[in-house]
Amino acid sequence: MPLANIHVLAGHPRPVLKQLLREASATFARALDAPPDRLQVWITEVDPALYAIAGEPADEVLARVPRAQAEIPLVRLALMEGRSLEMVHRTMAEMSATVARVLGSDPQRVRVMIDPVHPDRWAIGGVPASVARAAELAARQNAVAAPQAATTSLGA
């Protein structure tokens, strides 16, 4: 189920974008400890004339500022609820680093947004993930709950 949509300004060389697909997919799978065959990663190129940077059309900004200093890539992720906060934060950091490295920009310019999806609101072959992946979701929830329970009992 994990999805990533990387929004960039149009104009990057096609080989760079294909490399970004490969590397972002590998990073995403590793950070989430997810099977690569369940991931989807795609790139959305935005027309610079229809994208504002600091309130100015990006095509005008790019005429005087290098792309790496102007562009603010957005990585939008859809993840099933129930992942640990540590995993979510690691995924944000690693995806930011990968996007910046491949595009030749500063990681501080990359933005990552995660849309959590409830398992009852995502279907796999028409079957809610809460049913289709019930055992996996339960194991994930137990893994998240176990450290919290240990911390609580240590503090008592």
N, C-alpha and C. Protein backbone atom coordinates (compact mmCIF):
# COMPACT_ATOMS: atom_id res chain seq x y z
N MET A 1 0.80 -1.20 0.00
CA MET A 1 0.00 0.00 0.00
C MET A 1 0.83 1.26 0.00
N PRO A 2 2.00 1.28 0.58
CA PRO A 2 2.68 2.57 0.66
C PRO A 2 2.83 3.22 -0.71
N LEU A 3 2.45 4.50 -0.76
CA LEU A 3 2.52 5.27 -1.99
C LEU A 3 3.39 6.49 -1.77
N ALA A 4 4.14 6.87 -2.79
CA ALA A 4 4.91 8.11 -2.75
C ALA A 4 4.70 8.84 -4.06
N ASN A 5 4.37 10.11 -3.96
CA ASN A 5 4.25 10.97 -5.13
C ASN A 5 5.21 12.13 -4.91
N ILE A 6 6.22 12.21 -5.76
CA ILE A 6 7.25 13.23 -5.64
C ILE A 6 6.95 14.33 -6.65
N HIS A 7 6.67 15.52 -6.15
CA HIS A 7 6.34 16.67 -7.00
C HIS A 7 7.60 17.50 -7.22
N VAL A 8 7.94 17.70 -8.49
CA VAL A 8 9.10 18.51 -8.85
C VAL A 8 8.72 19.44 -10.00
N LEU A 9 9.50 20.48 -10.17
CA LEU A 9 9.30 21.35 -11.32
C LEU A 9 9.70 20.61 -12.58
N ALA A 10 8.94 20.76 -13.63
CA ALA A 10 9.28 20.16 -14.92
C ALA A 10 10.60 20.73 -15.40
N GLY A 11 11.35 19.89 -16.11
CA GLY A 11 12.60 20.34 -16.68
C GLY A 11 13.81 19.54 -16.27
N HIS A 12 13.65 18.63 -15.30
CA HIS A 12 14.76 17.76 -14.93
C HIS A 12 15.00 16.78 -16.07
N PRO A 13 16.25 16.40 -16.34
CA PRO A 13 16.50 15.40 -17.38
C PRO A 13 15.81 14.07 -17.03
N ARG A 14 15.25 13.42 -18.03
CA ARG A 14 14.54 12.15 -17.84
C ARG A 14 15.39 11.11 -17.11
N PRO A 15 16.69 10.94 -17.43
CA PRO A 15 17.50 9.96 -16.69
C PRO A 15 17.59 10.27 -15.19
N VAL A 16 17.60 11.55 -14.83
CA VAL A 16 17.63 11.93 -13.41
C VAL A 16 16.32 11.51 -12.75
N LEU A 17 15.21 11.75 -13.40
CA LEU A 17 13.91 11.38 -12.83
C LEU A 17 13.78 9.86 -12.70
N LYS A 18 14.28 9.12 -13.67
CA LYS A 18 14.22 7.65 -13.57
C LYS A 18 15.11 7.16 -12.43
N GLN A 19 16.26 7.81 -12.25
CA GLN A 19 17.13 7.45 -11.12
C GLN A 19 16.43 7.78 -9.80
N LEU A 20 15.72 8.90 -9.77
CA LEU A 20 14.97 9.26 -8.57
C LEU A 20 13.91 8.21 -8.26
N LEU A 21 13.21 7.72 -9.28
CA LEU A 21 12.23 6.65 -9.06
C LEU A 21 12.89 5.43 -8.43
N ARG A 22 14.02 5.01 -9.00
CA ARG A 22 14.71 3.82 -8.49
C ARG A 22 15.16 4.01 -7.04
N GLU A 23 15.84 5.12 -6.80
CA GLU A 23 16.42 5.33 -5.48
C GLU A 23 15.36 5.65 -4.42
N ALA A 24 14.34 6.40 -4.78
CA ALA A 24 13.26 6.68 -3.83
C ALA A 24 12.51 5.40 -3.49
N SER A 25 12.30 4.53 -4.47
CA SER A 25 11.63 3.25 -4.21
C SER A 25 12.44 2.41 -3.24
N ALA A 26 13.74 2.32 -3.46
CA ALA A 26 14.61 1.53 -2.58
C ALA A 26 14.64 2.12 -1.18
N THR A 27 14.74 3.44 -1.08
CA THR A 27 14.75 4.10 0.22
C THR A 27 13.44 3.88 0.95
N PHE A 28 12.34 4.04 0.25
CA PHE A 28 11.00 3.88 0.83
C PHE A 28 10.84 2.47 1.38
N ALA A 29 11.20 1.47 0.60
CA ALA A 29 11.08 0.07 1.04
C ALA A 29 11.94 -0.19 2.27
N ARG A 30 13.18 0.30 2.24
CA ARG A 30 14.10 0.07 3.35
C ARG A 30 13.62 0.78 4.63
N ALA A 31 13.21 2.04 4.51
CA ALA A 31 12.79 2.81 5.68
C ALA A 31 11.56 2.20 6.35
N LEU A 32 10.66 1.66 5.52
CA LEU A 32 9.43 1.08 6.06
C LEU A 32 9.54 -0.41 6.34
N ASP A 33 10.66 -1.01 5.94
CA ASP A 33 10.81 -2.46 6.02
C ASP A 33 9.61 -3.12 5.33
N ALA A 34 9.33 -2.63 4.12
CA ALA A 34 8.16 -3.09 3.35
C ALA A 34 8.62 -3.84 2.11
N PRO A 35 7.84 -4.83 1.69
CA PRO A 35 8.17 -5.53 0.44
C PRO A 35 8.08 -4.56 -0.75
N PRO A 36 9.12 -4.50 -1.57
CA PRO A 36 9.11 -3.56 -2.70
C PRO A 36 7.92 -3.75 -3.65
N ASP A 37 7.39 -4.96 -3.74
CA ASP A 37 6.28 -5.18 -4.68
C ASP A 37 4.98 -4.54 -4.21
N ARG A 38 4.93 -4.04 -2.99
CA ARG A 38 3.73 -3.35 -2.50
C ARG A 38 3.81 -1.84 -2.66
N LEU A 39 4.98 -1.34 -2.99
CA LEU A 39 5.19 0.10 -3.08
C LEU A 39 4.83 0.64 -4.45
N GLN A 40 4.37 1.87 -4.45
CA GLN A 40 4.19 2.62 -5.70
C GLN A 40 4.85 3.98 -5.50
N VAL A 41 5.68 4.35 -6.44
CA VAL A 41 6.34 5.66 -6.40
C VAL A 41 6.17 6.28 -7.78
N TRP A 42 5.71 7.51 -7.82
CA TRP A 42 5.63 8.20 -9.10
C TRP A 42 6.04 9.65 -8.92
N ILE A 43 6.38 10.25 -10.03
CA ILE A 43 6.82 11.64 -10.04
C ILE A 43 5.80 12.46 -10.81
N THR A 44 5.43 13.58 -10.22
CA THR A 44 4.55 14.54 -10.88
C THR A 44 5.39 15.77 -11.19
N GLU A 45 5.48 16.07 -12.48
CA GLU A 45 6.20 17.28 -12.90
C GLU A 45 5.19 18.43 -13.01
N VAL A 46 5.55 19.55 -12.40
CA VAL A 46 4.68 20.72 -12.39
C VAL A 46 5.26 21.78 -13.32
N ASP A 47 4.42 22.33 -14.18
CA ASP A 47 4.83 23.39 -15.09
C ASP A 47 5.32 24.58 -14.27
N PRO A 48 6.57 25.02 -14.44
CA PRO A 48 7.09 26.14 -13.65
C PRO A 48 6.27 27.43 -13.79
N ALA A 49 5.57 27.60 -14.90
CA ALA A 49 4.74 28.80 -15.06
C ALA A 49 3.49 28.74 -14.18
N LEU A 50 3.18 27.54 -13.68
CA LEU A 50 1.98 27.34 -12.86
C LEU A 50 2.33 26.97 -11.42
N TYR A 51 3.50 27.36 -10.97
CA TYR A 51 4.01 27.02 -9.64
C TYR A 51 4.65 28.29 -9.09
N ALA A 52 4.24 28.71 -7.93
CA ALA A 52 4.78 29.94 -7.35
C ALA A 52 5.83 29.62 -6.29
N ILE A 53 6.92 30.35 -6.34
CA ILE A 53 7.95 30.30 -5.31
C ILE A 53 7.99 31.70 -4.71
N ALA A 54 7.69 31.79 -3.43
CA ALA A 54 7.63 33.09 -2.75
C ALA A 54 6.70 34.06 -3.49
N GLY A 55 5.61 33.51 -4.02
CA GLY A 55 4.60 34.33 -4.66
C GLY A 55 4.90 34.73 -6.10
N GLU A 56 5.96 34.17 -6.67
CA GLU A 56 6.35 34.52 -8.04
C GLU A 56 6.38 33.26 -8.89
N PRO A 57 5.90 33.32 -10.14
CA PRO A 57 5.95 32.13 -10.99
C PRO A 57 7.38 31.57 -11.07
N ALA A 58 7.48 30.26 -10.90
CA ALA A 58 8.79 29.61 -10.84
C ALA A 58 9.60 29.79 -12.12
N ASP A 59 8.94 29.88 -13.27
CA ASP A 59 9.71 30.07 -14.51
C ASP A 59 10.47 31.39 -14.48
N GLU A 60 9.89 32.40 -13.83
CA GLU A 60 10.57 33.69 -13.70
C GLU A 60 11.70 33.61 -12.68
N VAL A 61 11.47 32.88 -11.60
CA VAL A 61 12.51 32.69 -10.58
C VAL A 61 13.69 31.93 -11.18
N LEU A 62 13.39 30.86 -11.93
CA LEU A 62 14.45 30.03 -12.52
C LEU A 62 15.28 30.78 -13.56
N ALA A 63 14.76 31.88 -14.08
CA ALA A 63 15.52 32.68 -15.04
C ALA A 63 16.70 33.38 -14.38
N ARG A 64 16.67 33.51 -13.05
CA ARG A 64 17.75 34.22 -12.37
C ARG A 64 18.36 33.46 -11.19
N VAL A 65 17.72 32.35 -10.77
CA VAL A 65 18.21 31.58 -9.62
C VAL A 65 18.40 30.13 -10.05
N PRO A 66 19.52 29.50 -9.68
CA PRO A 66 19.70 28.09 -10.04
C PRO A 66 18.57 27.22 -9.49
N ARG A 67 18.18 26.22 -10.26
CA ARG A 67 17.09 25.32 -9.88
C ARG A 67 17.28 24.77 -8.47
N ALA A 68 18.48 24.31 -8.14
CA ALA A 68 18.74 23.69 -6.83
C ALA A 68 18.49 24.66 -5.67
N GLN A 69 18.59 25.96 -5.93
CA GLN A 69 18.36 26.96 -4.89
C GLN A 69 16.91 27.45 -4.86
N ALA A 70 16.16 27.16 -5.92
CA ALA A 70 14.79 27.67 -6.02
C ALA A 70 13.74 26.59 -5.75
N GLU A 71 13.95 25.41 -6.32
CA GLU A 71 12.93 24.35 -6.27
C GLU A 71 12.74 23.83 -4.84
N ILE A 72 11.50 23.54 -4.51
CA ILE A 72 11.15 22.95 -3.22
C ILE A 72 10.35 21.67 -3.52
N PRO A 73 11.06 20.54 -3.71
CA PRO A 73 10.34 19.29 -4.00
C PRO A 73 9.42 18.90 -2.85
N LEU A 74 8.28 18.36 -3.20
CA LEU A 74 7.32 17.87 -2.22
C LEU A 74 7.18 16.36 -2.40
N VAL A 75 7.40 15.64 -1.31
CA VAL A 75 7.22 14.19 -1.30
C VAL A 75 5.97 13.92 -0.48
N ARG A 76 4.96 13.42 -1.13
CA ARG A 76 3.70 13.12 -0.44
C ARG A 76 3.56 11.61 -0.33
N LEU A 77 3.46 11.13 0.90
CA LEU A 77 3.40 9.70 1.18
C LEU A 77 2.03 9.33 1.74
N ALA A 78 1.50 8.21 1.31
CA ALA A 78 0.29 7.64 1.90
C ALA A 78 0.72 6.35 2.58
N LEU A 79 0.50 6.29 3.89
CA LEU A 79 0.91 5.13 4.68
C LEU A 79 -0.25 4.65 5.52
N MET A 80 -0.35 3.34 5.64
CA MET A 80 -1.36 2.76 6.51
C MET A 80 -1.07 3.19 7.95
N GLU A 81 -2.11 3.56 8.67
CA GLU A 81 -1.95 3.92 10.08
C GLU A 81 -1.37 2.74 10.85
N GLY A 82 -0.72 3.04 11.95
CA GLY A 82 -0.23 1.98 12.83
C GLY A 82 1.28 1.83 12.82
N ARG A 83 1.98 2.57 11.98
CA ARG A 83 3.44 2.50 11.98
C ARG A 83 3.96 3.34 13.15
N SER A 84 5.09 2.93 13.68
CA SER A 84 5.65 3.66 14.82
C SER A 84 6.08 5.06 14.40
N LEU A 85 6.07 5.97 15.34
CA LEU A 85 6.50 7.33 15.07
C LEU A 85 7.97 7.35 14.65
N GLU A 86 8.77 6.48 15.24
CA GLU A 86 10.18 6.37 14.87
C GLU A 86 10.31 6.01 13.38
N MET A 87 9.51 5.05 12.93
CA MET A 87 9.57 4.64 11.53
C MET A 87 9.10 5.77 10.61
N VAL A 88 8.07 6.47 11.01
CA VAL A 88 7.56 7.59 10.22
C VAL A 88 8.63 8.68 10.09
N HIS A 89 9.26 9.02 11.22
CA HIS A 89 10.29 10.06 11.19
C HIS A 89 11.50 9.62 10.37
N ARG A 90 11.90 8.36 10.50
CA ARG A 90 13.02 7.83 9.71
C ARG A 90 12.69 7.90 8.21
N THR A 91 11.47 7.54 7.86
CA THR A 91 11.05 7.58 6.46
C THR A 91 11.11 9.01 5.92
N MET A 92 10.63 9.98 6.69
CA MET A 92 10.68 11.37 6.26
C MET A 92 12.12 11.83 6.04
N ALA A 93 13.00 11.50 6.98
CA ALA A 93 14.40 11.92 6.87
C ALA A 93 15.10 11.26 5.68
N GLU A 94 14.89 9.96 5.51
CA GLU A 94 15.57 9.23 4.44
C GLU A 94 15.04 9.62 3.06
N MET A 95 13.75 9.83 2.95
CA MET A 95 13.20 10.25 1.66
C MET A 95 13.69 11.66 1.30
N SER A 96 13.76 12.55 2.29
CA SER A 96 14.28 13.90 2.04
C SER A 96 15.72 13.84 1.54
N ALA A 97 16.53 13.04 2.21
CA ALA A 97 17.95 12.92 1.83
C ALA A 97 18.09 12.35 0.42
N THR A 98 17.31 11.33 0.10
CA THR A 98 17.40 10.71 -1.23
C THR A 98 16.99 11.68 -2.33
N VAL A 99 15.87 12.34 -2.14
CA VAL A 99 15.39 13.29 -3.16
C VAL A 99 16.42 14.40 -3.36
N ALA A 100 16.94 14.95 -2.28
CA ALA A 100 17.92 16.03 -2.39
C ALA A 100 19.18 15.55 -3.10
N ARG A 101 19.67 14.38 -2.73
CA ARG A 101 20.90 13.87 -3.33
C ARG A 101 20.75 13.65 -4.83
N VAL A 102 19.67 13.00 -5.23
CA VAL A 102 19.47 12.69 -6.65
C VAL A 102 19.24 13.96 -7.47
N LEU A 103 18.52 14.92 -6.91
CA LEU A 103 18.24 16.16 -7.65
C LEU A 103 19.35 17.20 -7.50
N GLY A 104 20.32 16.92 -6.62
CA GLY A 104 21.42 17.86 -6.44
C GLY A 104 21.02 19.11 -5.68
N SER A 105 20.13 18.94 -4.71
CA SER A 105 19.67 20.10 -3.93
C SER A 105 19.94 19.87 -2.45
N ASP A 106 19.57 20.83 -1.65
CA ASP A 106 19.75 20.79 -0.21
C ASP A 106 18.56 20.06 0.43
N PRO A 107 18.81 19.10 1.33
CA PRO A 107 17.69 18.40 1.99
C PRO A 107 16.74 19.35 2.71
N GLN A 108 17.24 20.50 3.13
CA GLN A 108 16.39 21.47 3.82
C GLN A 108 15.31 22.05 2.90
N ARG A 109 15.48 21.90 1.60
CA ARG A 109 14.49 22.41 0.65
C ARG A 109 13.39 21.40 0.36
N VAL A 110 13.60 20.15 0.74
CA VAL A 110 12.63 19.08 0.46
C VAL A 110 11.56 19.07 1.55
N ARG A 111 10.33 18.94 1.15
CA ARG A 111 9.21 18.84 2.09
C ARG A 111 8.60 17.45 1.96
N VAL A 112 8.25 16.86 3.10
CA VAL A 112 7.62 15.54 3.11
C VAL A 112 6.32 15.66 3.90
N MET A 113 5.26 15.15 3.31
CA MET A 113 3.95 15.14 3.96
C MET A 113 3.43 13.71 3.96
N ILE A 114 2.97 13.26 5.11
CA ILE A 114 2.45 11.90 5.20
C ILE A 114 0.95 11.95 5.44
N ASP A 115 0.22 11.26 4.58
CA ASP A 115 -1.22 11.10 4.73
C ASP A 115 -1.45 9.72 5.35
N PRO A 116 -1.84 9.66 6.64
CA PRO A 116 -2.13 8.36 7.23
C PRO A 116 -3.48 7.85 6.72
N VAL A 117 -3.53 6.57 6.41
CA VAL A 117 -4.75 5.97 5.87
C VAL A 117 -5.22 4.88 6.83
N HIS A 118 -6.46 4.99 7.27
CA HIS A 118 -7.03 3.96 8.13
C HIS A 118 -7.25 2.70 7.30
N PRO A 119 -6.94 1.52 7.84
CA PRO A 119 -7.09 0.27 7.08
C PRO A 119 -8.50 0.01 6.55
N ASP A 120 -9.52 0.61 7.18
CA ASP A 120 -10.88 0.44 6.67
C ASP A 120 -11.16 1.35 5.48
N ARG A 121 -10.24 2.26 5.20
CA ARG A 121 -10.43 3.22 4.11
C ARG A 121 -9.45 2.99 2.96
N TRP A 122 -8.89 1.79 2.89
CA TRP A 122 -8.00 1.40 1.79
C TRP A 122 -8.37 -0.01 1.39
N ALA A 123 -8.61 -0.23 0.11
CA ALA A 123 -9.02 -1.56 -0.35
C ALA A 123 -7.92 -2.18 -1.20
N ILE A 124 -7.80 -3.48 -1.09
CA ILE A 124 -6.88 -4.28 -1.89
C ILE A 124 -7.76 -5.28 -2.64
N GLY A 125 -7.91 -5.08 -3.93
CA GLY A 125 -8.79 -5.94 -4.71
C GLY A 125 -10.24 -5.84 -4.26
N GLY A 126 -10.63 -4.66 -3.78
CA GLY A 126 -12.01 -4.45 -3.34
C GLY A 126 -12.26 -4.85 -1.90
N VAL A 127 -11.26 -5.40 -1.22
CA VAL A 127 -11.40 -5.84 0.17
C VAL A 127 -10.65 -4.85 1.07
N PRO A 128 -11.32 -4.33 2.12
CA PRO A 128 -10.63 -3.40 3.00
C PRO A 128 -9.33 -4.01 3.54
N ALA A 129 -8.30 -3.18 3.65
CA ALA A 129 -7.02 -3.66 4.17
C ALA A 129 -7.17 -4.20 5.58
N SER A 130 -8.14 -3.68 6.33
CA SER A 130 -8.37 -4.18 7.69
C SER A 130 -8.72 -5.66 7.68
N VAL A 131 -9.28 -6.14 6.59
CA VAL A 131 -9.62 -7.56 6.44
C VAL A 131 -8.50 -8.28 5.70
N ALA A 132 -8.08 -7.73 4.57
CA ALA A 132 -7.09 -8.40 3.72
C ALA A 132 -5.73 -8.55 4.40
N ARG A 133 -5.39 -7.61 5.25
CA ARG A 133 -4.08 -7.64 5.91
C ARG A 133 -4.23 -7.67 7.43
N ALA A 134 -5.27 -8.30 7.92
CA ALA A 134 -5.58 -8.29 9.36
C ALA A 134 -4.42 -8.79 10.21
N ALA A 135 -3.81 -9.90 9.85
CA ALA A 135 -2.71 -10.46 10.65
C ALA A 135 -1.51 -9.52 10.66
N GLU A 136 -1.20 -8.96 9.50
CA GLU A 136 -0.06 -8.04 9.39
C GLU A 136 -0.30 -6.77 10.22
N LEU A 137 -1.51 -6.23 10.14
CA LEU A 137 -1.84 -5.03 10.90
C LEU A 137 -1.79 -5.29 12.40
N ALA A 138 -2.26 -6.46 12.83
CA ALA A 138 -2.21 -6.82 14.25
C ALA A 138 -0.77 -6.93 14.73
N ALA A 139 0.09 -7.55 13.94
CA ALA A 139 1.50 -7.69 14.32
C ALA A 139 2.16 -6.31 14.41
N ARG A 140 1.84 -5.43 13.47
CA ARG A 140 2.41 -4.08 13.49
C ARG A 140 1.94 -3.33 14.73
N GLN A 141 0.65 -3.46 15.05
CA GLN A 141 0.11 -2.78 16.23
C GLN A 141 0.76 -3.31 17.50
N ASN A 142 0.96 -4.63 17.58
CA ASN A 142 1.62 -5.22 18.75
C ASN A 142 3.06 -4.74 18.87
N ALA A 143 3.75 -4.59 17.76
CA ALA A 143 5.14 -4.12 17.77
C ALA A 143 5.21 -2.68 18.27
N VAL A 144 4.24 -1.86 17.90
CA VAL A 144 4.21 -0.47 18.35
C VAL A 144 3.83 -0.41 19.82
N ALA A 145 2.90 -1.25 20.25
CA ALA A 145 2.42 -1.23 21.63
C ALA A 145 3.44 -1.79 22.61
N ALA A 146 4.24 -2.77 22.21
CA ALA A 146 5.19 -3.42 23.12
C ALA A 146 6.18 -2.43 23.74
N PRO A 147 6.87 -1.59 22.97
CA PRO A 147 7.80 -0.64 23.60
C PRO A 147 7.09 0.36 24.50
N GLN A 148 5.86 0.75 24.13
CA GLN A 148 5.11 1.68 24.96
C GLN A 148 4.76 1.04 26.30
N ALA A 149 4.38 -0.24 26.26
CA ALA A 149 4.04 -0.95 27.49
C ALA A 149 5.27 -1.10 28.37
N ALA A 150 6.42 -1.39 27.77
CA ALA A 150 7.66 -1.55 28.53
C ALA A 150 8.05 -0.23 29.19
N THR A 151 7.90 0.87 28.49
CA THR A 151 8.21 2.18 29.03
C THR A 151 7.28 2.52 30.18
N THR A 152 6.00 2.20 30.02
CA THR A 152 5.02 2.47 31.07
C THR A 152 5.33 1.65 32.31
N SER A 153 5.66 0.37 32.15
CA SER A 153 5.93 -0.48 33.30
C SER A 153 7.23 -0.09 33.98
N LEU A 154 8.20 0.43 33.23
CA LEU A 154 9.46 0.86 33.83
C LEU A 154 9.25 2.11 34.67
N GLY A 155 8.33 2.95 34.26
CA GLY A 155 8.08 4.19 34.97
C GLY A 155 7.23 4.00 36.21
N ALA A 156 6.60 2.82 36.37
CA ALA A 156 5.70 2.59 37.50
C ALA A 156 6.44 2.31 38.77
